[in-house]
Amino acid sequence: MDQHYAKHNLKLLGVFSAASGYHVMLRDPIGEDGGLAGRRIRASGTYHDFVTTLNGSVVTMPASDIYSSLERGVVDGAAWPVFGAMDYRWYEVASYMTRPMFGINNHSLFIHLDTWNGLSQDQQSILIEAAEELEVSGRAEFEGLWEAEDAAMQEAGLEITQFGPEYADRVEAIFAQGVWRQVEDRAGADGAALHQLALEKGLTAE
């Protein structure tokens, strides 16, 4: 990944996991189809393949429009990380959240490569060590935050609705397939090499 981003004059310092994955907040529970058939789901590019594979249709809009769109029925649901939804108060206009969760929410930290190259070796080492420490301690912190938010969402009235048996065991693989397709489409040979490495190391479902 670092070698790929270097081509864009960026130095990758770390990749930080927010511990939680993704889910879909819905106005109505999962139906007999077991998926998202007939539902209009607000989704960024990350979720496009996932939503369409479960027979839903994708609606693209900024996060700021999700509340009013759920309230007015413009969309039937919104795909979002499990952590972070409480701040938007979507539990006021959506009654359900899907399980099982899928994927993992990561954040990357970069520094401009020219700036990086202008640092001393000691300065570079300090930044790398700090990033490595945060990859571990940050994950633990987010796990606690996610558990607290998951409980808060249920206390606010959100009920869990389960994907049907035809999808429940495959949601992780379905999501992974869609993400890797985008990685390879956008990053070409570098994306394909990263996908192959992840498969060899057992780091991805597909």
N, C-alpha and C. Protein backbone atom coordinates (compact mmCIF):
# COMPACT_ATOMS: atom_id res chain seq x y z
N MET A 1 0.83 -1.20 0.00
CA MET A 1 0.00 0.00 0.00
C MET A 1 0.87 1.25 0.00
N ASP A 2 1.92 1.21 0.79
CA ASP A 2 2.82 2.36 0.86
C ASP A 2 3.45 2.63 -0.49
N GLN A 3 3.86 1.57 -1.17
CA GLN A 3 4.48 1.73 -2.49
C GLN A 3 3.48 2.32 -3.50
N HIS A 4 2.23 1.90 -3.39
CA HIS A 4 1.21 2.43 -4.30
C HIS A 4 1.01 3.93 -4.06
N TYR A 5 0.86 4.33 -2.81
CA TYR A 5 0.58 5.73 -2.52
C TYR A 5 1.79 6.62 -2.78
N ALA A 6 2.99 6.03 -2.74
CA ALA A 6 4.19 6.81 -3.06
C ALA A 6 4.13 7.36 -4.48
N LYS A 7 3.43 6.63 -5.36
CA LYS A 7 3.27 7.09 -6.74
C LYS A 7 2.44 8.37 -6.80
N HIS A 8 1.70 8.63 -5.73
CA HIS A 8 0.87 9.83 -5.65
C HIS A 8 1.45 10.84 -4.66
N ASN A 9 2.73 10.68 -4.37
CA ASN A 9 3.49 11.58 -3.49
C ASN A 9 2.94 11.60 -2.07
N LEU A 10 2.55 10.42 -1.58
CA LEU A 10 2.07 10.28 -0.21
C LEU A 10 2.83 9.16 0.48
N LYS A 11 3.07 9.34 1.77
CA LYS A 11 3.67 8.32 2.61
C LYS A 11 2.59 7.80 3.55
N LEU A 12 2.36 6.48 3.53
CA LEU A 12 1.38 5.87 4.41
C LEU A 12 2.02 5.60 5.77
N LEU A 13 1.50 6.26 6.80
CA LEU A 13 2.05 6.08 8.14
C LEU A 13 1.37 4.96 8.91
N GLY A 14 0.07 4.79 8.70
CA GLY A 14 -0.63 3.74 9.44
C GLY A 14 -2.04 3.55 8.94
N VAL A 15 -2.59 2.38 9.26
CA VAL A 15 -3.99 2.06 8.95
C VAL A 15 -4.65 1.69 10.26
N PHE A 16 -5.65 2.45 10.65
CA PHE A 16 -6.25 2.32 11.96
C PHE A 16 -7.65 1.74 11.86
N SER A 17 -7.88 0.65 12.56
CA SER A 17 -9.19 0.01 12.57
C SER A 17 -10.09 0.63 13.62
N ALA A 18 -11.33 0.95 13.20
CA ALA A 18 -12.31 1.48 14.14
C ALA A 18 -13.09 0.36 14.82
N ALA A 19 -12.66 -0.87 14.63
CA ALA A 19 -13.19 -2.06 15.32
C ALA A 19 -14.54 -2.51 14.77
N SER A 20 -15.47 -1.58 14.58
CA SER A 20 -16.79 -1.99 14.12
C SER A 20 -16.83 -2.14 12.61
N GLY A 21 -17.85 -2.82 12.13
CA GLY A 21 -18.06 -2.94 10.71
C GLY A 21 -19.18 -2.03 10.24
N TYR A 22 -19.95 -2.53 9.28
CA TYR A 22 -21.02 -1.75 8.68
C TYR A 22 -22.36 -2.45 8.88
N HIS A 23 -23.43 -1.65 8.72
CA HIS A 23 -24.76 -2.22 8.74
C HIS A 23 -25.67 -1.30 7.94
N VAL A 24 -26.95 -1.69 7.86
CA VAL A 24 -27.93 -0.86 7.16
C VAL A 24 -29.03 -0.51 8.15
N MET A 25 -29.28 0.78 8.30
CA MET A 25 -30.38 1.23 9.15
C MET A 25 -31.62 1.33 8.28
N LEU A 26 -32.73 0.73 8.73
CA LEU A 26 -33.93 0.60 7.90
C LEU A 26 -35.16 1.17 8.59
N ARG A 27 -36.09 1.65 7.78
CA ARG A 27 -37.39 2.07 8.30
C ARG A 27 -38.24 0.86 8.69
N ASP A 28 -38.11 -0.23 7.93
CA ASP A 28 -38.89 -1.45 8.16
C ASP A 28 -37.96 -2.65 8.23
N PRO A 29 -38.36 -3.72 8.92
CA PRO A 29 -37.47 -4.88 9.08
C PRO A 29 -37.26 -5.64 7.78
N ILE A 30 -36.23 -6.48 7.79
CA ILE A 30 -35.98 -7.36 6.65
C ILE A 30 -37.22 -8.21 6.39
N GLY A 31 -37.59 -8.35 5.12
CA GLY A 31 -38.78 -9.10 4.75
C GLY A 31 -38.49 -10.54 4.38
N GLU A 32 -39.47 -11.17 3.74
CA GLU A 32 -39.35 -12.58 3.39
C GLU A 32 -38.22 -12.85 2.40
N ASP A 33 -37.84 -11.84 1.63
CA ASP A 33 -36.75 -12.04 0.67
C ASP A 33 -35.41 -12.24 1.37
N GLY A 34 -35.32 -11.83 2.62
CA GLY A 34 -34.09 -12.00 3.38
C GLY A 34 -33.02 -10.97 3.11
N GLY A 35 -33.28 -10.10 2.11
CA GLY A 35 -32.29 -9.09 1.75
C GLY A 35 -32.88 -7.71 1.67
N LEU A 36 -32.59 -7.02 0.57
CA LEU A 36 -33.01 -5.63 0.43
C LEU A 36 -33.87 -5.41 -0.81
N ALA A 37 -34.57 -6.46 -1.24
CA ALA A 37 -35.38 -6.37 -2.46
C ALA A 37 -36.40 -5.24 -2.36
N GLY A 38 -36.42 -4.40 -3.39
CA GLY A 38 -37.38 -3.31 -3.45
C GLY A 38 -37.04 -2.12 -2.58
N ARG A 39 -35.93 -2.16 -1.86
CA ARG A 39 -35.57 -1.06 -0.96
C ARG A 39 -34.64 -0.07 -1.66
N ARG A 40 -34.87 1.19 -1.38
CA ARG A 40 -33.97 2.25 -1.85
C ARG A 40 -33.03 2.58 -0.70
N ILE A 41 -31.76 2.29 -0.90
CA ILE A 41 -30.78 2.41 0.18
C ILE A 41 -29.76 3.50 -0.15
N ARG A 42 -29.63 4.46 0.76
CA ARG A 42 -28.57 5.43 0.61
C ARG A 42 -27.26 4.71 0.83
N ALA A 43 -26.35 4.81 -0.13
CA ALA A 43 -25.09 4.09 -0.02
C ALA A 43 -24.00 4.82 -0.79
N SER A 44 -22.84 4.92 -0.19
CA SER A 44 -21.67 5.43 -0.91
C SER A 44 -21.14 4.30 -1.78
N GLY A 45 -20.09 4.60 -2.55
CA GLY A 45 -19.55 3.61 -3.46
C GLY A 45 -19.12 2.33 -2.78
N THR A 46 -18.70 2.43 -1.52
CA THR A 46 -18.24 1.26 -0.78
C THR A 46 -19.29 0.16 -0.73
N TYR A 47 -20.55 0.54 -0.67
CA TYR A 47 -21.62 -0.43 -0.48
C TYR A 47 -22.38 -0.79 -1.76
N HIS A 48 -22.05 -0.17 -2.87
CA HIS A 48 -22.88 -0.34 -4.06
C HIS A 48 -23.11 -1.81 -4.42
N ASP A 49 -22.04 -2.56 -4.55
CA ASP A 49 -22.18 -3.96 -4.96
C ASP A 49 -22.94 -4.76 -3.91
N PHE A 50 -22.71 -4.46 -2.65
CA PHE A 50 -23.41 -5.15 -1.57
C PHE A 50 -24.92 -4.94 -1.68
N VAL A 51 -25.33 -3.69 -1.83
CA VAL A 51 -26.76 -3.38 -1.89
C VAL A 51 -27.41 -4.02 -3.11
N THR A 52 -26.77 -3.92 -4.27
CA THR A 52 -27.39 -4.47 -5.48
C THR A 52 -27.40 -5.99 -5.47
N THR A 53 -26.39 -6.62 -4.87
CA THR A 53 -26.39 -8.08 -4.78
C THR A 53 -27.55 -8.57 -3.90
N LEU A 54 -27.93 -7.78 -2.91
CA LEU A 54 -29.07 -8.12 -2.06
C LEU A 54 -30.37 -7.58 -2.65
N ASN A 55 -30.30 -7.17 -3.94
CA ASN A 55 -31.48 -6.77 -4.73
C ASN A 55 -32.09 -5.44 -4.31
N GLY A 56 -31.30 -4.60 -3.66
CA GLY A 56 -31.75 -3.25 -3.38
C GLY A 56 -31.28 -2.31 -4.47
N SER A 57 -31.75 -1.06 -4.43
CA SER A 57 -31.29 -0.05 -5.37
C SER A 57 -30.56 1.04 -4.60
N VAL A 58 -29.52 1.57 -5.20
CA VAL A 58 -28.64 2.53 -4.54
C VAL A 58 -29.09 3.96 -4.80
N VAL A 59 -29.14 4.75 -3.75
CA VAL A 59 -29.39 6.19 -3.84
C VAL A 59 -28.17 6.88 -3.25
N THR A 60 -27.59 7.80 -4.01
CA THR A 60 -26.40 8.52 -3.55
C THR A 60 -26.79 9.90 -3.04
N MET A 61 -26.35 10.21 -1.84
CA MET A 61 -26.62 11.53 -1.25
C MET A 61 -25.64 11.77 -0.12
N PRO A 62 -25.39 13.03 0.23
CA PRO A 62 -24.50 13.31 1.36
C PRO A 62 -25.14 12.91 2.68
N ALA A 63 -24.31 12.69 3.68
CA ALA A 63 -24.80 12.29 5.00
C ALA A 63 -25.80 13.29 5.56
N SER A 64 -25.62 14.56 5.22
CA SER A 64 -26.50 15.60 5.76
C SER A 64 -27.94 15.46 5.30
N ASP A 65 -28.17 14.71 4.21
CA ASP A 65 -29.52 14.54 3.67
C ASP A 65 -30.20 13.25 4.14
N ILE A 66 -29.47 12.40 4.85
CA ILE A 66 -30.02 11.09 5.21
C ILE A 66 -31.21 11.22 6.15
N TYR A 67 -31.11 12.06 7.17
CA TYR A 67 -32.19 12.17 8.15
C TYR A 67 -33.52 12.53 7.47
N SER A 68 -33.52 13.61 6.70
CA SER A 68 -34.77 14.05 6.07
C SER A 68 -35.26 13.04 5.04
N SER A 69 -34.34 12.36 4.37
CA SER A 69 -34.74 11.39 3.35
C SER A 69 -35.37 10.16 3.99
N LEU A 70 -34.84 9.72 5.13
CA LEU A 70 -35.47 8.63 5.87
C LEU A 70 -36.83 9.07 6.42
N GLU A 71 -36.87 10.27 6.94
CA GLU A 71 -38.11 10.78 7.54
C GLU A 71 -39.24 10.85 6.52
N ARG A 72 -38.92 11.29 5.28
CA ARG A 72 -39.93 11.48 4.26
C ARG A 72 -40.15 10.23 3.40
N GLY A 73 -39.36 9.19 3.64
CA GLY A 73 -39.51 7.98 2.85
C GLY A 73 -38.88 8.05 1.48
N VAL A 74 -38.01 9.04 1.26
CA VAL A 74 -37.27 9.13 -0.01
C VAL A 74 -36.38 7.91 -0.16
N VAL A 75 -35.80 7.46 0.95
CA VAL A 75 -35.04 6.21 0.98
C VAL A 75 -35.64 5.32 2.07
N ASP A 76 -35.42 4.02 1.92
CA ASP A 76 -35.91 3.05 2.89
C ASP A 76 -34.87 2.69 3.93
N GLY A 77 -33.64 3.08 3.67
CA GLY A 77 -32.57 2.76 4.60
C GLY A 77 -31.28 3.46 4.21
N ALA A 78 -30.29 3.33 5.08
CA ALA A 78 -28.99 3.95 4.84
C ALA A 78 -27.89 3.03 5.33
N ALA A 79 -26.91 2.76 4.48
CA ALA A 79 -25.75 1.96 4.87
C ALA A 79 -24.72 2.89 5.50
N TRP A 80 -24.16 2.44 6.63
CA TRP A 80 -23.26 3.33 7.39
C TRP A 80 -22.43 2.47 8.34
N PRO A 81 -21.26 2.94 8.77
CA PRO A 81 -20.54 2.21 9.82
C PRO A 81 -21.40 2.09 11.07
N VAL A 82 -21.25 0.98 11.77
CA VAL A 82 -22.02 0.78 13.00
C VAL A 82 -21.68 1.86 14.02
N PHE A 83 -20.42 2.28 14.03
CA PHE A 83 -20.00 3.33 14.95
C PHE A 83 -20.17 4.69 14.28
N GLY A 84 -20.83 5.62 14.95
CA GLY A 84 -20.94 6.98 14.44
C GLY A 84 -22.34 7.43 14.08
N ALA A 85 -23.29 6.51 14.05
CA ALA A 85 -24.65 6.87 13.61
C ALA A 85 -25.42 7.66 14.67
N MET A 86 -25.09 7.47 15.94
CA MET A 86 -25.84 8.14 17.00
C MET A 86 -25.77 9.66 16.88
N ASP A 87 -24.64 10.19 16.45
CA ASP A 87 -24.47 11.63 16.35
C ASP A 87 -25.47 12.26 15.38
N TYR A 88 -25.90 11.49 14.39
CA TYR A 88 -26.83 12.01 13.39
C TYR A 88 -28.30 11.83 13.80
N ARG A 89 -28.55 11.11 14.90
CA ARG A 89 -29.90 10.91 15.43
C ARG A 89 -30.82 10.20 14.44
N TRP A 90 -30.24 9.32 13.62
CA TRP A 90 -31.06 8.60 12.65
C TRP A 90 -32.02 7.62 13.31
N TYR A 91 -31.77 7.29 14.58
CA TYR A 91 -32.69 6.41 15.30
C TYR A 91 -34.07 7.04 15.44
N GLU A 92 -34.18 8.34 15.20
CA GLU A 92 -35.48 9.01 15.25
C GLU A 92 -36.32 8.74 14.01
N VAL A 93 -35.67 8.37 12.91
CA VAL A 93 -36.38 8.18 11.64
C VAL A 93 -36.17 6.80 11.04
N ALA A 94 -35.39 5.96 11.69
CA ALA A 94 -35.20 4.56 11.29
C ALA A 94 -35.43 3.70 12.52
N SER A 95 -36.06 2.56 12.35
CA SER A 95 -36.44 1.73 13.49
C SER A 95 -35.62 0.46 13.63
N TYR A 96 -34.83 0.11 12.60
CA TYR A 96 -34.13 -1.17 12.61
C TYR A 96 -32.69 -1.02 12.15
N MET A 97 -31.84 -1.94 12.60
CA MET A 97 -30.46 -2.02 12.11
C MET A 97 -30.16 -3.49 11.83
N THR A 98 -29.52 -3.73 10.70
CA THR A 98 -29.32 -5.10 10.23
C THR A 98 -28.16 -5.79 10.92
N ARG A 99 -28.30 -7.09 11.07
CA ARG A 99 -27.24 -7.98 11.54
C ARG A 99 -27.32 -9.27 10.73
N PRO A 100 -26.20 -9.96 10.51
CA PRO A 100 -24.87 -9.65 11.04
C PRO A 100 -24.24 -8.44 10.37
N MET A 101 -23.27 -7.85 11.07
CA MET A 101 -22.50 -6.77 10.50
C MET A 101 -21.61 -7.33 9.40
N PHE A 102 -21.02 -6.43 8.62
CA PHE A 102 -20.12 -6.87 7.55
C PHE A 102 -18.99 -5.86 7.39
N GLY A 103 -17.84 -6.35 6.92
CA GLY A 103 -16.70 -5.48 6.68
C GLY A 103 -16.06 -4.96 7.96
N ILE A 104 -15.13 -4.06 7.79
CA ILE A 104 -14.45 -3.42 8.92
C ILE A 104 -14.15 -1.99 8.51
N ASN A 105 -14.29 -1.08 9.43
CA ASN A 105 -14.11 0.34 9.14
C ASN A 105 -12.69 0.76 9.49
N ASN A 106 -11.92 1.14 8.48
CA ASN A 106 -10.53 1.53 8.67
C ASN A 106 -10.29 2.99 8.28
N HIS A 107 -9.26 3.57 8.86
CA HIS A 107 -8.86 4.94 8.54
C HIS A 107 -7.36 4.94 8.29
N SER A 108 -6.94 5.66 7.28
CA SER A 108 -5.52 5.71 6.92
C SER A 108 -4.93 7.08 7.25
N LEU A 109 -3.68 7.07 7.68
CA LEU A 109 -2.97 8.31 8.01
C LEU A 109 -1.80 8.48 7.04
N PHE A 110 -1.80 9.64 6.37
CA PHE A 110 -0.76 9.93 5.38
C PHE A 110 0.00 11.19 5.75
N ILE A 111 1.20 11.30 5.19
CA ILE A 111 1.96 12.54 5.23
C ILE A 111 2.49 12.77 3.82
N HIS A 112 2.57 14.02 3.41
CA HIS A 112 3.07 14.35 2.09
C HIS A 112 4.49 13.78 1.96
N LEU A 113 4.75 13.09 0.86
CA LEU A 113 6.02 12.38 0.72
C LEU A 113 7.20 13.35 0.72
N ASP A 114 7.05 14.50 0.12
CA ASP A 114 8.15 15.48 0.14
C ASP A 114 8.46 15.92 1.56
N THR A 115 7.39 16.13 2.36
CA THR A 115 7.58 16.50 3.76
C THR A 115 8.28 15.38 4.51
N TRP A 116 7.82 14.15 4.27
CA TRP A 116 8.43 12.97 4.91
C TRP A 116 9.91 12.88 4.59
N ASN A 117 10.26 13.06 3.35
CA ASN A 117 11.66 12.95 2.94
C ASN A 117 12.51 14.08 3.52
N GLY A 118 11.87 15.17 3.93
CA GLY A 118 12.60 16.28 4.52
C GLY A 118 12.85 16.12 6.01
N LEU A 119 12.27 15.07 6.61
CA LEU A 119 12.46 14.82 8.04
C LEU A 119 13.75 14.04 8.28
N SER A 120 14.28 14.18 9.47
CA SER A 120 15.46 13.38 9.83
C SER A 120 15.03 11.95 10.08
N GLN A 121 15.98 11.04 10.12
CA GLN A 121 15.66 9.63 10.38
C GLN A 121 15.04 9.47 11.77
N ASP A 122 15.51 10.23 12.74
CA ASP A 122 14.93 10.16 14.09
C ASP A 122 13.48 10.64 14.09
N GLN A 123 13.21 11.71 13.36
CA GLN A 123 11.84 12.22 13.28
C GLN A 123 10.91 11.20 12.60
N GLN A 124 11.40 10.58 11.55
CA GLN A 124 10.62 9.55 10.87
C GLN A 124 10.32 8.39 11.80
N SER A 125 11.32 7.98 12.56
CA SER A 125 11.15 6.85 13.48
C SER A 125 10.10 7.17 14.55
N ILE A 126 10.09 8.41 15.04
CA ILE A 126 9.11 8.81 16.05
C ILE A 126 7.70 8.70 15.49
N LEU A 127 7.50 9.16 14.26
CA LEU A 127 6.17 9.10 13.64
C LEU A 127 5.73 7.66 13.39
N ILE A 128 6.63 6.82 12.92
CA ILE A 128 6.30 5.42 12.67
C ILE A 128 5.96 4.71 13.97
N GLU A 129 6.74 4.94 15.00
CA GLU A 129 6.47 4.29 16.29
C GLU A 129 5.12 4.74 16.87
N ALA A 130 4.83 6.02 16.72
CA ALA A 130 3.54 6.53 17.22
C ALA A 130 2.38 5.92 16.44
N ALA A 131 2.54 5.78 15.13
CA ALA A 131 1.48 5.19 14.31
C ALA A 131 1.28 3.72 14.67
N GLU A 132 2.36 3.01 14.87
CA GLU A 132 2.25 1.59 15.24
C GLU A 132 1.55 1.43 16.58
N GLU A 133 1.86 2.32 17.53
CA GLU A 133 1.22 2.25 18.84
C GLU A 133 -0.27 2.55 18.73
N LEU A 134 -0.62 3.54 17.90
CA LEU A 134 -2.02 3.92 17.74
C LEU A 134 -2.82 2.83 17.02
N GLU A 135 -2.18 2.08 16.15
CA GLU A 135 -2.89 0.99 15.48
C GLU A 135 -3.39 -0.03 16.50
N VAL A 136 -2.68 -0.19 17.60
CA VAL A 136 -3.07 -1.14 18.65
C VAL A 136 -3.99 -0.48 19.68
N SER A 137 -3.52 0.64 20.27
CA SER A 137 -4.30 1.28 21.33
C SER A 137 -5.59 1.89 20.79
N GLY A 138 -5.54 2.39 19.56
CA GLY A 138 -6.74 2.97 18.95
C GLY A 138 -7.82 1.94 18.72
N ARG A 139 -7.41 0.75 18.30
CA ARG A 139 -8.36 -0.34 18.10
C ARG A 139 -9.07 -0.67 19.41
N ALA A 140 -8.31 -0.77 20.49
CA ALA A 140 -8.91 -1.09 21.79
C ALA A 140 -9.88 0.01 22.22
N GLU A 141 -9.50 1.27 21.99
CA GLU A 141 -10.38 2.38 22.36
C GLU A 141 -11.67 2.35 21.56
N PHE A 142 -11.58 2.09 20.27
CA PHE A 142 -12.76 2.05 19.42
C PHE A 142 -13.68 0.88 19.79
N GLU A 143 -13.10 -0.23 20.22
CA GLU A 143 -13.93 -1.35 20.63
C GLU A 143 -14.85 -0.95 21.77
N GLY A 144 -14.31 -0.22 22.74
CA GLY A 144 -15.13 0.25 23.84
C GLY A 144 -16.18 1.25 23.39
N LEU A 145 -15.79 2.17 22.50
CA LEU A 145 -16.73 3.16 22.00
C LEU A 145 -17.85 2.51 21.21
N TRP A 146 -17.50 1.49 20.40
CA TRP A 146 -18.52 0.81 19.62
C TRP A 146 -19.51 0.07 20.52
N GLU A 147 -19.01 -0.62 21.52
CA GLU A 147 -19.91 -1.34 22.41
C GLU A 147 -20.88 -0.38 23.10
N ALA A 148 -20.38 0.78 23.51
CA ALA A 148 -21.23 1.77 24.16
C ALA A 148 -22.27 2.31 23.19
N GLU A 149 -21.87 2.56 21.95
CA GLU A 149 -22.82 3.11 20.98
C GLU A 149 -23.85 2.07 20.56
N ASP A 150 -23.43 0.83 20.41
CA ASP A 150 -24.38 -0.23 20.05
C ASP A 150 -25.47 -0.33 21.12
N ALA A 151 -25.07 -0.27 22.37
CA ALA A 151 -26.05 -0.32 23.46
C ALA A 151 -26.94 0.92 23.44
N ALA A 152 -26.35 2.09 23.16
CA ALA A 152 -27.12 3.33 23.12
C ALA A 152 -28.15 3.33 22.01
N MET A 153 -27.80 2.76 20.85
CA MET A 153 -28.74 2.71 19.74
C MET A 153 -29.95 1.84 20.09
N GLN A 154 -29.68 0.72 20.77
CA GLN A 154 -30.79 -0.14 21.15
C GLN A 154 -31.64 0.52 22.25
N GLU A 155 -30.99 1.22 23.16
CA GLU A 155 -31.73 1.95 24.18
C GLU A 155 -32.58 3.05 23.56
N ALA A 156 -32.13 3.61 22.43
CA ALA A 156 -32.88 4.66 21.75
C ALA A 156 -34.06 4.11 20.96
N GLY A 157 -34.18 2.77 20.90
CA GLY A 157 -35.33 2.17 20.25
C GLY A 157 -35.05 1.40 18.98
N LEU A 158 -33.81 1.40 18.50
CA LEU A 158 -33.49 0.64 17.30
C LEU A 158 -33.54 -0.85 17.60
N GLU A 159 -34.24 -1.59 16.77
CA GLU A 159 -34.33 -3.03 16.92
C GLU A 159 -33.43 -3.71 15.89
N ILE A 160 -32.94 -4.88 16.22
CA ILE A 160 -32.11 -5.65 15.31
C ILE A 160 -33.00 -6.45 14.37
N THR A 161 -32.70 -6.38 13.08
CA THR A 161 -33.39 -7.20 12.08
C THR A 161 -32.33 -8.01 11.34
N GLN A 162 -32.54 -9.30 11.26
CA GLN A 162 -31.53 -10.20 10.71
C GLN A 162 -31.71 -10.43 9.21
N PHE A 163 -30.59 -10.43 8.49
CA PHE A 163 -30.65 -10.87 7.10
C PHE A 163 -31.11 -12.32 7.07
N GLY A 164 -31.82 -12.70 6.01
CA GLY A 164 -32.34 -14.05 5.91
C GLY A 164 -31.24 -15.08 5.72
N PRO A 165 -31.57 -16.37 5.89
CA PRO A 165 -30.55 -17.43 5.81
C PRO A 165 -29.84 -17.49 4.46
N GLU A 166 -30.48 -17.02 3.40
CA GLU A 166 -29.84 -17.04 2.09
C GLU A 166 -28.72 -16.02 1.97
N TYR A 167 -28.67 -15.06 2.90
CA TYR A 167 -27.63 -14.03 2.86
C TYR A 167 -26.78 -13.95 4.13
N ALA A 168 -27.35 -14.33 5.26
CA ALA A 168 -26.71 -14.08 6.55
C ALA A 168 -25.27 -14.61 6.62
N ASP A 169 -25.04 -15.81 6.09
CA ASP A 169 -23.70 -16.39 6.16
C ASP A 169 -22.77 -15.84 5.09
N ARG A 170 -23.31 -15.03 4.17
CA ARG A 170 -22.51 -14.57 3.04
C ARG A 170 -22.30 -13.06 3.00
N VAL A 171 -22.87 -12.33 3.97
CA VAL A 171 -22.78 -10.87 3.87
C VAL A 171 -21.33 -10.38 3.87
N GLU A 172 -20.48 -11.02 4.65
CA GLU A 172 -19.08 -10.62 4.69
C GLU A 172 -18.42 -10.85 3.33
N ALA A 173 -18.66 -12.01 2.73
CA ALA A 173 -18.07 -12.33 1.43
C ALA A 173 -18.63 -11.42 0.34
N ILE A 174 -19.93 -11.16 0.37
CA ILE A 174 -20.55 -10.29 -0.63
C ILE A 174 -19.95 -8.89 -0.57
N PHE A 175 -19.82 -8.37 0.65
CA PHE A 175 -19.24 -7.04 0.82
C PHE A 175 -17.78 -7.04 0.35
N ALA A 176 -17.01 -8.05 0.74
CA ALA A 176 -15.59 -8.12 0.36
C ALA A 176 -15.42 -8.17 -1.15
N GLN A 177 -16.24 -8.95 -1.83
CA GLN A 177 -16.15 -9.04 -3.28
C GLN A 177 -16.33 -7.68 -3.93
N GLY A 178 -17.32 -6.93 -3.44
CA GLY A 178 -17.57 -5.61 -4.02
C GLY A 178 -16.44 -4.64 -3.77
N VAL A 179 -15.88 -4.66 -2.58
CA VAL A 179 -14.78 -3.75 -2.25
C VAL A 179 -13.54 -4.09 -3.06
N TRP A 180 -13.21 -5.39 -3.14
CA TRP A 180 -12.02 -5.77 -3.90
C TRP A 180 -12.17 -5.46 -5.38
N ARG A 181 -13.38 -5.56 -5.91
CA ARG A 181 -13.58 -5.20 -7.32
C ARG A 181 -13.24 -3.74 -7.53
N GLN A 182 -13.66 -2.89 -6.60
CA GLN A 182 -13.35 -1.47 -6.72
C GLN A 182 -11.86 -1.21 -6.55
N VAL A 183 -11.23 -1.92 -5.62
CA VAL A 183 -9.79 -1.75 -5.42
C VAL A 183 -9.03 -2.07 -6.71
N GLU A 184 -9.39 -3.17 -7.33
CA GLU A 184 -8.68 -3.58 -8.55
C GLU A 184 -9.02 -2.66 -9.72
N ASP A 185 -10.28 -2.19 -9.79
CA ASP A 185 -10.65 -1.28 -10.87
C ASP A 185 -9.89 0.03 -10.76
N ARG A 186 -9.68 0.52 -9.53
CA ARG A 186 -9.10 1.84 -9.34
C ARG A 186 -7.58 1.82 -9.19
N ALA A 187 -7.05 0.71 -8.67
CA ALA A 187 -5.61 0.65 -8.41
C ALA A 187 -4.88 -0.30 -9.35
N GLY A 188 -5.60 -0.91 -10.28
CA GLY A 188 -4.96 -1.74 -11.29
C GLY A 188 -4.13 -2.88 -10.73
N ALA A 189 -2.91 -3.01 -11.25
CA ALA A 189 -2.03 -4.11 -10.85
C ALA A 189 -1.69 -4.05 -9.36
N ASP A 190 -1.55 -2.84 -8.82
CA ASP A 190 -1.28 -2.71 -7.38
C ASP A 190 -2.44 -3.25 -6.56
N GLY A 191 -3.65 -2.95 -6.99
CA GLY A 191 -4.83 -3.45 -6.30
C GLY A 191 -4.93 -4.96 -6.36
N ALA A 192 -4.64 -5.51 -7.54
CA ALA A 192 -4.69 -6.97 -7.70
C ALA A 192 -3.64 -7.65 -6.84
N ALA A 193 -2.45 -7.04 -6.74
CA ALA A 193 -1.38 -7.61 -5.92
C ALA A 193 -1.75 -7.57 -4.45
N LEU A 194 -2.37 -6.48 -4.00
CA LEU A 194 -2.80 -6.37 -2.61
C LEU A 194 -3.88 -7.40 -2.30
N HIS A 195 -4.80 -7.58 -3.23
CA HIS A 195 -5.86 -8.58 -3.05
C HIS A 195 -5.26 -9.97 -2.92
N GLN A 196 -4.31 -10.31 -3.78
CA GLN A 196 -3.69 -11.62 -3.74
C GLN A 196 -2.94 -11.83 -2.42
N LEU A 197 -2.24 -10.79 -1.96
CA LEU A 197 -1.51 -10.88 -0.68
C LEU A 197 -2.49 -11.10 0.47
N ALA A 198 -3.61 -10.39 0.46
CA ALA A 198 -4.61 -10.53 1.52
C ALA A 198 -5.19 -11.94 1.53
N LEU A 199 -5.40 -12.51 0.35
CA LEU A 199 -5.90 -13.88 0.26
C LEU A 199 -4.88 -14.86 0.82
N GLU A 200 -3.63 -14.69 0.44
CA GLU A 200 -2.57 -15.59 0.90
C GLU A 200 -2.41 -15.54 2.42
N LYS A 201 -2.62 -14.38 3.01
CA LYS A 201 -2.44 -14.21 4.47
C LYS A 201 -3.72 -14.47 5.24
N GLY A 202 -4.81 -14.81 4.54
CA GLY A 202 -6.06 -15.09 5.23
C GLY A 202 -6.70 -13.86 5.82
N LEU A 203 -6.51 -12.71 5.20
CA LEU A 203 -7.01 -11.45 5.74
C LEU A 203 -8.33 -11.00 5.10
N THR A 204 -8.85 -11.77 4.18
CA THR A 204 -10.10 -11.38 3.51
C THR A 204 -10.94 -12.61 3.26
N ALA A 205 -12.27 -12.38 3.20
CA ALA A 205 -13.19 -13.49 3.01
C ALA A 205 -13.22 -13.96 1.57
N GLU A 206 -12.88 -13.08 0.66
CA GLU A 206 -12.93 -13.43 -0.78
C GLU A 206 -11.72 -12.84 -1.49
